[in-house]
Amino acid sequence: MANVKKGDTVLVIAGKDRGKRGTVDRVERIKRGLGVVVPGVNMAKKHMRPRSQTQQAGILDIPVPLHISNVMVICPSCEKPTRVAHAHVEGDLKRRVRVCRNCGEQMEVLK
């Protein structure tokens, strides 16, 4: 189970875009594990040729996945980058929640 999910606000902690914040657009499998796509971070140029009469050719900027180890989740309650802990919901051992290691607040209910 990944500690980062779609819609989380993350801080980039390594790479050319270190220090930037953004919202996770999607989590996907990459060659060495899991990667996250954050719009505006880790942009690459893609040269496109026209496929039909209506499509225009050009150079596009597209976001490329970052390895999941290069981002840290930002806690919604304390607004600090944090590692994520997992805890069971009281009375239900099948449901778990993500918990902030800094403030101890619950982040979201997992299944």
PDB file of N, CA and C in Angstrom:
ATOM      1  N   MET A   1       0.835  -1.170   0.000  1.00  0.00           N
ATOM      2  CA  MET A   1       0.000   0.000   0.000  1.00  0.00           C
ATOM      3  C   MET A   1       0.887   1.244   0.000  1.00  0.00           C
ATOM      4  N   ALA A   2       0.573   2.189  -0.855  1.00  0.00           N
ATOM      5  CA  ALA A   2       1.362   3.405  -0.955  1.00  0.00           C
ATOM      6  C   ALA A   2       0.923   4.413   0.099  1.00  0.00           C
ATOM      7  N   ASN A   3       1.866   5.205   0.560  1.00  0.00           N
ATOM      8  CA  ASN A   3       1.561   6.240   1.532  1.00  0.00           C
ATOM      9  C   ASN A   3       1.084   7.518   0.865  1.00  0.00           C
ATOM     10  N   VAL A   4       1.246   7.627  -0.439  1.00  0.00           N
ATOM     11  CA  VAL A   4       0.827   8.799  -1.191  1.00  0.00           C
ATOM     12  C   VAL A   4      -0.331   8.395  -2.086  1.00  0.00           C
ATOM     13  N   LYS A   5      -1.390   9.209  -2.085  1.00  0.00           N
ATOM     14  CA  LYS A   5      -2.565   8.920  -2.894  1.00  0.00           C
ATOM     15  C   LYS A   5      -2.914  10.103  -3.772  1.00  0.00           C
ATOM     16  N   LYS A   6      -3.757   9.859  -4.763  1.00  0.00           N
ATOM     17  CA  LYS A   6      -4.225  10.910  -5.644  1.00  0.00           C
ATOM     18  C   LYS A   6      -4.942  11.980  -4.823  1.00  0.00           C
ATOM     19  N   GLY A   7      -4.622  13.243  -5.090  1.00  0.00           N
ATOM     20  CA  GLY A   7      -5.244  14.350  -4.374  1.00  0.00           C
ATOM     21  C   GLY A   7      -4.449  14.856  -3.187  1.00  0.00           C
ATOM     22  N   ASP A   8      -3.405  14.129  -2.779  1.00  0.00           N
ATOM     23  CA  ASP A   8      -2.559  14.579  -1.673  1.00  0.00           C
ATOM     24  C   ASP A   8      -1.697  15.758  -2.111  1.00  0.00           C
ATOM     25  N   THR A   9      -1.437  16.667  -1.184  1.00  0.00           N
ATOM     26  CA  THR A   9      -0.476  17.732  -1.422  1.00  0.00           C
ATOM     27  C   THR A   9       0.885  17.213  -0.987  1.00  0.00           C
ATOM     28  N   VAL A  10       1.875  17.345  -1.877  1.00  0.00           N
ATOM     29  CA  VAL A  10       3.201  16.804  -1.598  1.00  0.00           C
ATOM     30  C   VAL A  10       4.258  17.881  -1.775  1.00  0.00           C
ATOM     31  N   LEU A  11       5.408  17.655  -1.133  1.00  0.00           N
ATOM     32  CA  LEU A  11       6.584  18.492  -1.258  1.00  0.00           C
ATOM     33  C   LEU A  11       7.672  17.650  -1.911  1.00  0.00           C
ATOM     34  N   VAL A  12       8.298  18.174  -2.956  1.00  0.00           N
ATOM     35  CA  VAL A  12       9.386  17.460  -3.630  1.00  0.00           C
ATOM     36  C   VAL A  12      10.644  17.656  -2.792  1.00  0.00           C
ATOM     37  N   ILE A  13      11.283  16.538  -2.365  1.00  0.00           N
ATOM     38  CA  ILE A  13      12.443  16.615  -1.477  1.00  0.00           C
ATOM     39  C   ILE A  13      13.752  16.288  -2.173  1.00  0.00           C
ATOM     40  N   ALA A  14      13.706  15.866  -3.438  1.00  0.00           N
ATOM     41  CA  ALA A  14      14.932  15.538  -4.158  1.00  0.00           C
ATOM     42  C   ALA A  14      14.728  15.787  -5.644  1.00  0.00           C
ATOM     43  N   GLY A  15      15.798  16.115  -6.326  1.00  0.00           N
ATOM     44  CA  GLY A  15      15.744  16.308  -7.767  1.00  0.00           C
ATOM     45  C   GLY A  15      15.817  17.764  -8.153  1.00  0.00           C
ATOM     46  N   LYS A  16      15.620  18.037  -9.429  1.00  0.00           N
ATOM     47  CA  LYS A  16      15.780  19.396  -9.942  1.00  0.00           C
ATOM     48  C   LYS A  16      14.683  20.333  -9.468  1.00  0.00           C
ATOM     49  N   ASP A  17      13.545  19.814  -9.051  1.00  0.00           N
ATOM     50  CA  ASP A  17      12.429  20.633  -8.582  1.00  0.00           C
ATOM     51  C   ASP A  17      12.273  20.586  -7.069  1.00  0.00           C
ATOM     52  N   ARG A  18      13.364  20.353  -6.347  1.00  0.00           N
ATOM     53  CA  ARG A  18      13.322  20.256  -4.894  1.00  0.00           C
ATOM     54  C   ARG A  18      12.738  21.538  -4.291  1.00  0.00           C
ATOM     55  N   GLY A  19      11.814  21.373  -3.348  1.00  0.00           N
ATOM     56  CA  GLY A  19      11.201  22.511  -2.679  1.00  0.00           C
ATOM     57  C   GLY A  19       9.847  22.905  -3.237  1.00  0.00           C
ATOM     58  N   LYS A  20       9.465  22.387  -4.387  1.00  0.00           N
ATOM     59  CA  LYS A  20       8.174  22.730  -4.979  1.00  0.00           C
ATOM     60  C   LYS A  20       7.060  21.903  -4.336  1.00  0.00           C
ATOM     61  N   ARG A  21       5.873  22.509  -4.260  1.00  0.00           N
ATOM     62  CA  ARG A  21       4.684  21.824  -3.746  1.00  0.00           C
ATOM     63  C   ARG A  21       3.689  21.643  -4.872  1.00  0.00           C
ATOM     64  N   GLY A  22       2.874  20.620  -4.749  1.00  0.00           N
ATOM     65  CA  GLY A  22       1.836  20.394  -5.740  1.00  0.00           C
ATOM     66  C   GLY A  22       0.896  19.301  -5.285  1.00  0.00           C
ATOM     67  N   THR A  23      -0.186  19.122  -6.038  1.00  0.00           N
ATOM     68  CA  THR A  23      -1.179  18.099  -5.744  1.00  0.00           C
ATOM     69  C   THR A  23      -0.962  16.911  -6.674  1.00  0.00           C
ATOM     70  N   VAL A  24      -1.022  15.721  -6.135  1.00  0.00           N
ATOM     71  CA  VAL A  24      -0.791  14.510  -6.922  1.00  0.00           C
ATOM     72  C   VAL A  24      -1.938  14.316  -7.905  1.00  0.00           C
ATOM     73  N   ASP A  25      -1.596  14.211  -9.185  1.00  0.00           N
ATOM     74  CA  ASP A  25      -2.583  13.998 -10.234  1.00  0.00           C
ATOM     75  C   ASP A  25      -2.896  12.510 -10.376  1.00  0.00           C
ATOM     76  N   ARG A  26      -1.848  11.684 -10.338  1.00  0.00           N
ATOM     77  CA  ARG A  26      -2.056  10.224 -10.404  1.00  0.00           C
ATOM     78  C   ARG A  26      -0.821   9.510  -9.864  1.00  0.00           C
ATOM     79  N   VAL A  27      -1.038   8.283  -9.405  1.00  0.00           N
ATOM     80  CA  VAL A  27       0.038   7.401  -8.943  1.00  0.00           C
ATOM     81  C   VAL A  27       0.093   6.252  -9.936  1.00  0.00           C
ATOM     82  N   GLU A  28       1.279   5.952 -10.454  1.00  0.00           N
ATOM     83  CA  GLU A  28       1.386   4.896 -11.461  1.00  0.00           C
ATOM     84  C   GLU A  28       2.651   4.083 -11.258  1.00  0.00           C
ATOM     85  N   ARG A  29       2.650   2.914 -11.846  1.00  0.00           N
ATOM     86  CA  ARG A  29       3.826   2.055 -11.784  1.00  0.00           C
ATOM     87  C   ARG A  29       4.852   2.546 -12.790  1.00  0.00           C
ATOM     88  N   ILE A  30       6.109   2.609 -12.339  1.00  0.00           N
ATOM     89  CA  ILE A  30       7.209   2.951 -13.226  1.00  0.00           C
ATOM     90  C   ILE A  30       8.233   1.833 -13.146  1.00  0.00           C
ATOM     91  N   LYS A  31       9.350   1.988 -13.823  1.00  0.00           N
ATOM     92  CA  LYS A  31      10.335   0.917 -13.928  1.00  0.00           C
ATOM     93  C   LYS A  31      10.842   0.440 -12.569  1.00  0.00           C
ATOM     94  N   ARG A  32      11.052   1.350 -11.644  1.00  0.00           N
ATOM     95  CA  ARG A  32      11.613   0.970 -10.341  1.00  0.00           C
ATOM     96  C   ARG A  32      10.642   1.202  -9.201  1.00  0.00           C
ATOM     97  N   GLY A  33       9.386   0.808  -9.341  1.00  0.00           N
ATOM     98  CA  GLY A  33       8.440   0.927  -8.235  1.00  0.00           C
ATOM     99  C   GLY A  33       7.254   1.786  -8.597  1.00  0.00           C
ATOM    100  N   LEU A  34       6.937   2.745  -7.720  1.00  0.00           N
ATOM    101  CA  LEU A  34       5.798   3.624  -7.928  1.00  0.00           C
ATOM    102  C   LEU A  34       6.268   5.036  -8.212  1.00  0.00           C
ATOM    103  N   GLY A  35       5.501   5.740  -9.033  1.00  0.00           N
ATOM    104  CA  GLY A  35       5.801   7.124  -9.346  1.00  0.00           C
ATOM    105  C   GLY A  35       4.555   7.967  -9.191  1.00  0.00           C
ATOM    106  N   VAL A  36       4.744   9.252  -8.929  1.00  0.00           N
ATOM    107  CA  VAL A  36       3.626  10.177  -8.813  1.00  0.00           C
ATOM    108  C   VAL A  36       3.788  11.274  -9.859  1.00  0.00           C
ATOM    109  N   VAL A  37       2.666  11.666 -10.444  1.00  0.00           N
ATOM    110  CA  VAL A  37       2.656  12.746 -11.419  1.00  0.00           C
ATOM    111  C   VAL A  37       2.072  13.971 -10.737  1.00  0.00           C
ATOM    112  N   VAL A  38       2.873  15.047 -10.674  1.00  0.00           N
ATOM    113  CA  VAL A  38       2.451  16.309 -10.071  1.00  0.00           C
ATOM    114  C   VAL A  38       2.510  17.364 -11.167  1.00  0.00           C
ATOM    115  N   PRO A  39       1.382  17.997 -11.515  1.00  0.00           N
ATOM    116  CA  PRO A  39       1.405  19.009 -12.581  1.00  0.00           C
ATOM    117  C   PRO A  39       2.338  20.166 -12.236  1.00  0.00           C
ATOM    118  N   GLY A  40       3.146  20.577 -13.203  1.00  0.00           N
ATOM    119  CA  GLY A  40       4.070  21.685 -13.022  1.00  0.00           C
ATOM    120  C   GLY A  40       5.413  21.284 -12.440  1.00  0.00           C
ATOM    121  N   VAL A  41       5.580  20.013 -12.091  1.00  0.00           N
ATOM    122  CA  VAL A  41       6.827  19.522 -11.506  1.00  0.00           C
ATOM    123  C   VAL A  41       7.380  18.429 -12.409  1.00  0.00           C
ATOM    124  N   ASN A  42       8.693  18.431 -12.603  1.00  0.00           N
ATOM    125  CA  ASN A  42       9.384  17.431 -13.426  1.00  0.00           C
ATOM    126  C   ASN A  42       8.838  17.420 -14.856  1.00  0.00           C
ATOM    127  N   MET A  43       8.831  18.602 -15.471  1.00  0.00           N
ATOM    128  CA  MET A  43       8.300  18.752 -16.824  1.00  0.00           C
ATOM    129  C   MET A  43       9.339  18.313 -17.860  1.00  0.00           C
ATOM    130  N   ALA A  44       8.856  17.738 -18.956  1.00  0.00           N
ATOM    131  CA  ALA A  44       9.718  17.303 -20.051  1.00  0.00           C
ATOM    132  C   ALA A  44       9.124  17.805 -21.365  1.00  0.00           C
ATOM    133  N   LYS A  45       9.978  17.955 -22.361  1.00  0.00           N
ATOM    134  CA  LYS A  45       9.533  18.402 -23.682  1.00  0.00           C
ATOM    135  C   LYS A  45       9.182  17.183 -24.524  1.00  0.00           C
ATOM    136  N   LYS A  46       8.043  17.255 -25.219  1.00  0.00           N
ATOM    137  CA  LYS A  46       7.646  16.185 -26.122  1.00  0.00           C
ATOM    138  C   LYS A  46       7.367  16.806 -27.482  1.00  0.00           C
ATOM    139  N   HIS A  47       8.045  16.288 -28.509  1.00  0.00           N
ATOM    140  CA  HIS A  47       7.872  16.797 -29.859  1.00  0.00           C
ATOM    141  C   HIS A  47       6.739  16.033 -30.518  1.00  0.00           C
ATOM    142  N   MET A  48       5.705  16.750 -30.932  1.00  0.00           N
ATOM    143  CA  MET A  48       4.516  16.122 -31.523  1.00  0.00           C
ATOM    144  C   MET A  48       4.439  16.459 -33.007  1.00  0.00           C
ATOM    145  N   ARG A  49       4.121  15.466 -33.786  1.00  0.00           N
ATOM    146  CA  ARG A  49       3.896  15.657 -35.214  1.00  0.00           C
ATOM    147  C   ARG A  49       2.391  15.592 -35.434  1.00  0.00           C
ATOM    148  N   PRO A  50       1.871  16.307 -36.391  1.00  0.00           N
ATOM    149  CA  PRO A  50       0.409  16.298 -36.582  1.00  0.00           C
ATOM    150  C   PRO A  50      -0.074  14.934 -37.056  1.00  0.00           C
ATOM    151  N   ARG A  51      -1.129  14.440 -36.427  1.00  0.00           N
ATOM    152  CA  ARG A  51      -1.697  13.138 -36.788  1.00  0.00           C
ATOM    153  C   ARG A  51      -2.845  13.277 -37.783  1.00  0.00           C
ATOM    154  N   SER A  52      -3.438  14.463 -37.834  1.00  0.00           N
ATOM    155  CA  SER A  52      -4.530  14.704 -38.783  1.00  0.00           C
ATOM    156  C   SER A  52      -4.451  16.155 -39.243  1.00  0.00           C
ATOM    157  N   GLN A  53      -5.393  16.565 -40.081  1.00  0.00           N
ATOM    158  CA  GLN A  53      -5.388  17.933 -40.595  1.00  0.00           C
ATOM    159  C   GLN A  53      -5.690  18.954 -39.491  1.00  0.00           C
ATOM    160  N   THR A  54      -6.443  18.541 -38.468  1.00  0.00           N
ATOM    161  CA  THR A  54      -6.860  19.487 -37.434  1.00  0.00           C
ATOM    162  C   THR A  54      -5.850  19.602 -36.292  1.00  0.00           C
ATOM    163  N   GLN A  55      -5.060  18.576 -36.055  1.00  0.00           N
ATOM    164  CA  GLN A  55      -4.098  18.597 -34.955  1.00  0.00           C
ATOM    165  C   GLN A  55      -2.859  19.388 -35.356  1.00  0.00           C
ATOM    166  N   GLN A  56      -2.391  20.240 -34.454  1.00  0.00           N
ATOM    167  CA  GLN A  56      -1.245  21.079 -34.749  1.00  0.00           C
ATOM    168  C   GLN A  56       0.030  20.450 -34.184  1.00  0.00           C
ATOM    169  N   ALA A  57       1.108  20.596 -34.930  1.00  0.00           N
ATOM    170  CA  ALA A  57       2.400  20.076 -34.486  1.00  0.00           C
ATOM    171  C   ALA A  57       3.053  21.081 -33.553  1.00  0.00           C
ATOM    172  N   GLY A  58       4.026  20.611 -32.756  1.00  0.00           N
ATOM    173  CA  GLY A  58       4.741  21.525 -31.885  1.00  0.00           C
ATOM    174  C   GLY A  58       5.463  20.791 -30.778  1.00  0.00           C
ATOM    175  N   ILE A  59       5.997  21.570 -29.858  1.00  0.00           N
ATOM    176  CA  ILE A  59       6.716  21.029 -28.704  1.00  0.00           C
ATOM    177  C   ILE A  59       5.853  21.273 -27.475  1.00  0.00           C
ATOM    178  N   LEU A  60       5.495  20.198 -26.800  1.00  0.00           N
ATOM    179  CA  LEU A  60       4.631  20.277 -25.627  1.00  0.00           C
ATOM    180  C   LEU A  60       5.435  20.044 -24.358  1.00  0.00           C
ATOM    181  N   ASP A  61       5.018  20.686 -23.271  1.00  0.00           N
ATOM    182  CA  ASP A  61       5.575  20.405 -21.949  1.00  0.00           C
ATOM    183  C   ASP A  61       4.628  19.432 -21.253  1.00  0.00           C
ATOM    184  N   ILE A  62       5.133  18.256 -20.889  1.00  0.00           N
ATOM    185  CA  ILE A  62       4.304  17.263 -20.208  1.00  0.00           C
ATOM    186  C   ILE A  62       4.945  16.897 -18.873  1.00  0.00           C
ATOM    187  N   PRO A  63       4.135  16.640 -17.831  1.00  0.00           N
ATOM    188  CA  PRO A  63       4.700  16.200 -16.553  1.00  0.00           C
ATOM    189  C   PRO A  63       5.098  14.732 -16.617  1.00  0.00           C
ATOM    190  N   VAL A  64       6.274  14.419 -16.089  1.00  0.00           N
ATOM    191  CA  VAL A  64       6.808  13.060 -16.071  1.00  0.00           C
ATOM    192  C   VAL A  64       6.762  12.562 -14.632  1.00  0.00           C
ATOM    193  N   PRO A  65       6.505  11.264 -14.398  1.00  0.00           N
ATOM    194  CA  PRO A  65       6.415  10.770 -13.015  1.00  0.00           C
ATOM    195  C   PRO A  65       7.719  10.923 -12.233  1.00  0.00           C
ATOM    196  N   LEU A  66       7.563  11.300 -10.962  1.00  0.00           N
ATOM    197  CA  LEU A  66       8.663  11.323  -9.996  1.00  0.00           C
ATOM    198  C   LEU A  66       8.600  10.027  -9.206  1.00  0.00           C
ATOM    199  N   HIS A  67       9.744   9.529  -8.775  1.00  0.00           N
ATOM    200  CA  HIS A  67       9.714   8.349  -7.915  1.00  0.00           C
ATOM    201  C   HIS A  67       9.071   8.731  -6.589  1.00  0.00           C
ATOM    202  N   ILE A  68       8.312   7.809  -6.029  1.00  0.00           N
ATOM    203  CA  ILE A  68       7.528   8.087  -4.826  1.00  0.00           C
ATOM    204  C   ILE A  68       8.410   8.418  -3.622  1.00  0.00           C
ATOM    205  N   SER A  69       9.669   7.985  -3.648  1.00  0.00           N
ATOM    206  CA  SER A  69      10.567   8.278  -2.536  1.00  0.00           C
ATOM    207  C   SER A  69      11.081   9.716  -2.563  1.00  0.00           C
ATOM    208  N   ASN A  70      10.850  10.440  -3.666  1.00  0.00           N
ATOM    209  CA  ASN A  70      11.326  11.810  -3.792  1.00  0.00           C
ATOM    210  C   ASN A  70      10.285  12.851  -3.395  1.00  0.00           C
ATOM    211  N   VAL A  71       9.152  12.400  -2.846  1.00  0.00           N
ATOM    212  CA  VAL A  71       8.127  13.328  -2.382  1.00  0.00           C
ATOM    213  C   VAL A  71       7.731  12.991  -0.950  1.00  0.00           C
ATOM    214  N   MET A  72       7.259  14.009  -0.218  1.00  0.00           N
ATOM    215  CA  MET A  72       6.750  13.833   1.140  1.00  0.00           C
ATOM    216  C   MET A  72       5.350  14.417   1.210  1.00  0.00           C
ATOM    217  N   VAL A  73       4.453  13.712   1.879  1.00  0.00           N
ATOM    218  CA  VAL A  73       3.081  14.167   2.036  1.00  0.00           C
ATOM    219  C   VAL A  73       3.057  15.345   3.002  1.00  0.00           C
ATOM    220  N   ILE A  74       2.237  16.342   2.691  1.00  0.00           N
ATOM    221  CA  ILE A  74       2.052  17.478   3.589  1.00  0.00           C
ATOM    222  C   ILE A  74       0.751  17.252   4.350  1.00  0.00           C
ATOM    223  N   CYS A  75       0.842  17.275   5.673  1.00  0.00           N
ATOM    224  CA  CYS A  75      -0.314  17.037   6.537  1.00  0.00           C
ATOM    225  C   CYS A  75      -1.314  18.185   6.374  1.00  0.00           C
ATOM    226  N   PRO A  76      -2.606  17.877   6.175  1.00  0.00           N
ATOM    227  CA  PRO A  76      -3.590  18.942   6.012  1.00  0.00           C
ATOM    228  C   PRO A  76      -3.834  19.749   7.287  1.00  0.00           C
ATOM    229  N   SER A  77      -3.599  19.163   8.457  1.00  0.00           N
ATOM    230  CA  SER A  77      -3.898  19.892   9.696  1.00  0.00           C
ATOM    231  C   SER A  77      -2.731  20.758  10.166  1.00  0.00           C
ATOM    232  N   CYS A  78      -1.487  20.242  10.127  1.00  0.00           N
ATOM    233  CA  CYS A  78      -0.361  21.037  10.628  1.00  0.00           C
ATOM    234  C   CYS A  78       0.444  21.697   9.508  1.00  0.00           C
ATOM    235  N   GLU A  79       0.125  21.389   8.230  1.00  0.00           N
ATOM    236  CA  GLU A  79       0.778  21.996   7.061  1.00  0.00           C
ATOM    237  C   GLU A  79       2.286  21.773   7.026  1.00  0.00           C
ATOM    238  N   LYS A  80       2.760  20.654   7.587  1.00  0.00           N
ATOM    239  CA  LYS A  80       4.179  20.323   7.564  1.00  0.00           C
ATOM    240  C   LYS A  80       4.389  19.042   6.760  1.00  0.00           C
ATOM    241  N   PRO A  81       5.539  18.911   6.076  1.00  0.00           N
ATOM    242  CA  PRO A  81       5.842  17.645   5.423  1.00  0.00           C
ATOM    243  C   PRO A  81       6.062  16.570   6.480  1.00  0.00           C
ATOM    244  N   THR A  82       5.508  15.393   6.252  1.00  0.00           N
ATOM    245  CA  THR A  82       5.559  14.355   7.270  1.00  0.00           C
ATOM    246  C   THR A  82       5.674  12.978   6.652  1.00  0.00           C
ATOM    247  N   ARG A  83       6.175  12.056   7.450  1.00  0.00           N
ATOM    248  CA  ARG A  83       6.079  10.653   7.085  1.00  0.00           C
ATOM    249  C   ARG A  83       4.697  10.190   7.515  1.00  0.00           C
ATOM    250  N   VAL A  84       4.216   9.129   6.901  1.00  0.00           N
ATOM    251  CA  VAL A  84       2.858   8.667   7.165  1.00  0.00           C
ATOM    252  C   VAL A  84       2.906   7.389   7.982  1.00  0.00           C
ATOM    253  N   ALA A  85       2.124   7.362   9.059  1.00  0.00           N
ATOM    254  CA  ALA A  85       1.960   6.153   9.866  1.00  0.00           C
ATOM    255  C   ALA A  85       0.575   5.592   9.573  1.00  0.00           C
ATOM    256  N   HIS A  86       0.367   4.331   9.898  1.00  0.00           N
ATOM    257  CA  HIS A  86      -0.934   3.696   9.715  1.00  0.00           C
ATOM    258  C   HIS A  86      -1.418   3.201  11.060  1.00  0.00           C
ATOM    259  N   ALA A  87      -2.694   3.436  11.348  1.00  0.00           N
ATOM    260  CA  ALA A  87      -3.285   2.983  12.610  1.00  0.00           C
ATOM    261  C   ALA A  87      -4.657   2.390  12.321  1.00  0.00           C
ATOM    262  N   HIS A  88      -5.099   1.472  13.191  1.00  0.00           N
ATOM    263  CA  HIS A  88      -6.413   0.868  13.034  1.00  0.00           C
ATOM    264  C   HIS A  88      -7.476   1.776  13.633  1.00  0.00           C
ATOM    265  N   VAL A  89      -8.658   1.745  13.031  1.00  0.00           N
ATOM    266  CA  VAL A  89      -9.801   2.477  13.561  1.00  0.00           C
ATOM    267  C   VAL A  89     -10.290   1.732  14.798  1.00  0.00           C
ATOM    268  N   GLU A  90     -10.694   2.496  15.832  1.00  0.00           N
ATOM    269  CA  GLU A  90     -11.152   1.854  17.070  1.00  0.00           C
ATOM    270  C   GLU A  90     -12.370   0.981  16.794  1.00  0.00           C
ATOM    271  N   GLY A  91     -12.298  -0.248  17.264  1.00  0.00           N
ATOM    272  CA  GLY A  91     -13.422  -1.179  17.128  1.00  0.00           C
ATOM    273  C   GLY A  91     -13.472  -1.924  15.813  1.00  0.00           C
ATOM    274  N   ASP A  92     -12.683  -1.538  14.823  1.00  0.00           N
ATOM    275  CA  ASP A  92     -12.700  -2.203  13.517  1.00  0.00           C
ATOM    276  C   ASP A  92     -11.261  -2.449  13.085  1.00  0.00           C
ATOM    277  N   LEU A  93     -10.823  -3.706  13.162  1.00  0.00           N
ATOM    278  CA  LEU A  93      -9.435  -4.028  12.835  1.00  0.00           C
ATOM    279  C   LEU A  93      -9.174  -4.100  11.338  1.00  0.00           C
ATOM    280  N   LYS A  94     -10.236  -4.072  10.516  1.00  0.00           N
ATOM    281  CA  LYS A  94     -10.041  -4.152   9.077  1.00  0.00           C
ATOM    282  C   LYS A  94      -9.814  -2.787   8.440  1.00  0.00           C
ATOM    283  N   ARG A  95     -10.260  -1.727   9.089  1.00  0.00           N
ATOM    284  CA  ARG A  95     -10.099  -0.388   8.528  1.00  0.00           C
ATOM    285  C   ARG A  95      -8.903   0.300   9.160  1.00  0.00           C
ATOM    286  N   ARG A  96      -8.122   0.948   8.308  1.00  0.00           N
ATOM    287  CA  ARG A  96      -6.939   1.669   8.791  1.00  0.00           C
ATOM    288  C   ARG A  96      -7.014   3.116   8.347  1.00  0.00           C
ATOM    289  N   VAL A  97      -6.326   3.965   9.070  1.00  0.00           N
ATOM    290  CA  VAL A  97      -6.263   5.370   8.723  1.00  0.00           C
ATOM    291  C   VAL A  97      -4.804   5.778   8.594  1.00  0.00           C
ATOM    292  N   ARG A  98      -4.563   6.801   7.774  1.00  0.00           N
ATOM    293  CA  ARG A  98      -3.228   7.372   7.689  1.00  0.00           C
ATOM    294  C   ARG A  98      -3.124   8.437   8.767  1.00  0.00           C
ATOM    295  N   VAL A  99      -2.004   8.455   9.463  1.00  0.00           N
ATOM    296  CA  VAL A  99      -1.813   9.352  10.592  1.00  0.00           C
ATOM    297  C   VAL A  99      -0.533  10.150  10.374  1.00  0.00           C
ATOM    298  N   CYS A 100      -0.576  11.443  10.694  1.00  0.00           N
ATOM    299  CA  CYS A 100       0.596  12.315  10.610  1.00  0.00           C
ATOM    300  C   CYS A 100       1.537  11.986  11.756  1.00  0.00           C
ATOM    301  N   ARG A 101       2.824  11.853  11.465  1.00  0.00           N
ATOM    302  CA  ARG A 101       3.795  11.551  12.520  1.00  0.00           C
ATOM    303  C   ARG A 101       4.153  12.790  13.339  1.00  0.00           C
ATOM    304  N   ASN A 102       3.915  13.988  12.801  1.00  0.00           N
ATOM    305  CA  ASN A 102       4.230  15.210  13.547  1.00  0.00           C
ATOM    306  C   ASN A 102       3.168  15.532  14.586  1.00  0.00           C
ATOM    307  N   CYS A 103       1.893  15.646  14.135  1.00  0.00           N
ATOM    308  CA  CYS A 103       0.840  16.099  15.032  1.00  0.00           C
ATOM    309  C   CYS A 103      -0.059  14.965  15.517  1.00  0.00           C
ATOM    310  N   GLY A 104       0.005  13.790  14.887  1.00  0.00           N
ATOM    311  CA  GLY A 104      -0.808  12.657  15.312  1.00  0.00           C
ATOM    312  C   GLY A 104      -2.240  12.686  14.810  1.00  0.00           C
ATOM    313  N   GLU A 105      -2.576  13.647  13.946  1.00  0.00           N
ATOM    314  CA  GLU A 105      -3.937  13.754  13.432  1.00  0.00           C
ATOM    315  C   GLU A 105      -4.175  12.754  12.306  1.00  0.00           C
ATOM    316  N   GLN A 106      -5.416  12.329  12.187  1.00  0.00           N
ATOM    317  CA  GLN A 106      -5.823  11.391  11.150  1.00  0.00           C
ATOM    318  C   GLN A 106      -5.886  12.143   9.819  1.00  0.00           C
ATOM    319  N   MET A 107      -5.351  11.516   8.756  1.00  0.00           N
ATOM    320  CA  MET A 107      -5.340  12.177   7.454  1.00  0.00           C
ATOM    321  C   MET A 107      -6.536  11.764   6.614  1.00  0.00           C
ATOM    322  N   GLU A 108      -6.850  10.463   6.590  1.00  0.00           N
ATOM    323  CA  GLU A 108      -7.904   9.974   5.717  1.00  0.00           C
ATOM    324  C   GLU A 108      -8.182   8.518   6.052  1.00  0.00           C
ATOM    325  N   VAL A 109      -9.410   8.066   5.806  1.00  0.00           N
ATOM    326  CA  VAL A 109      -9.773   6.676   6.071  1.00  0.00           C
ATOM    327  C   VAL A 109      -9.393   5.831   4.858  1.00  0.00           C
ATOM    328  N   LEU A 110      -8.671   4.733   5.091  1.00  0.00           N
ATOM    329  CA  LEU A 110      -8.317   3.785   4.045  1.00  0.00           C
ATOM    330  C   LEU A 110      -9.207   2.563   4.136  1.00  0.00           C
ATOM    331  N   LYS A 111      -9.255   1.789   3.072  1.00  0.00           N
ATOM    332  CA  LYS A 111     -10.057   0.569   3.076  1.00  0.00           C
ATOM    333  C   LYS A 111      -9.193  -0.634   3.337  1.00  0.00           C
TER     334      LYS A 111
END
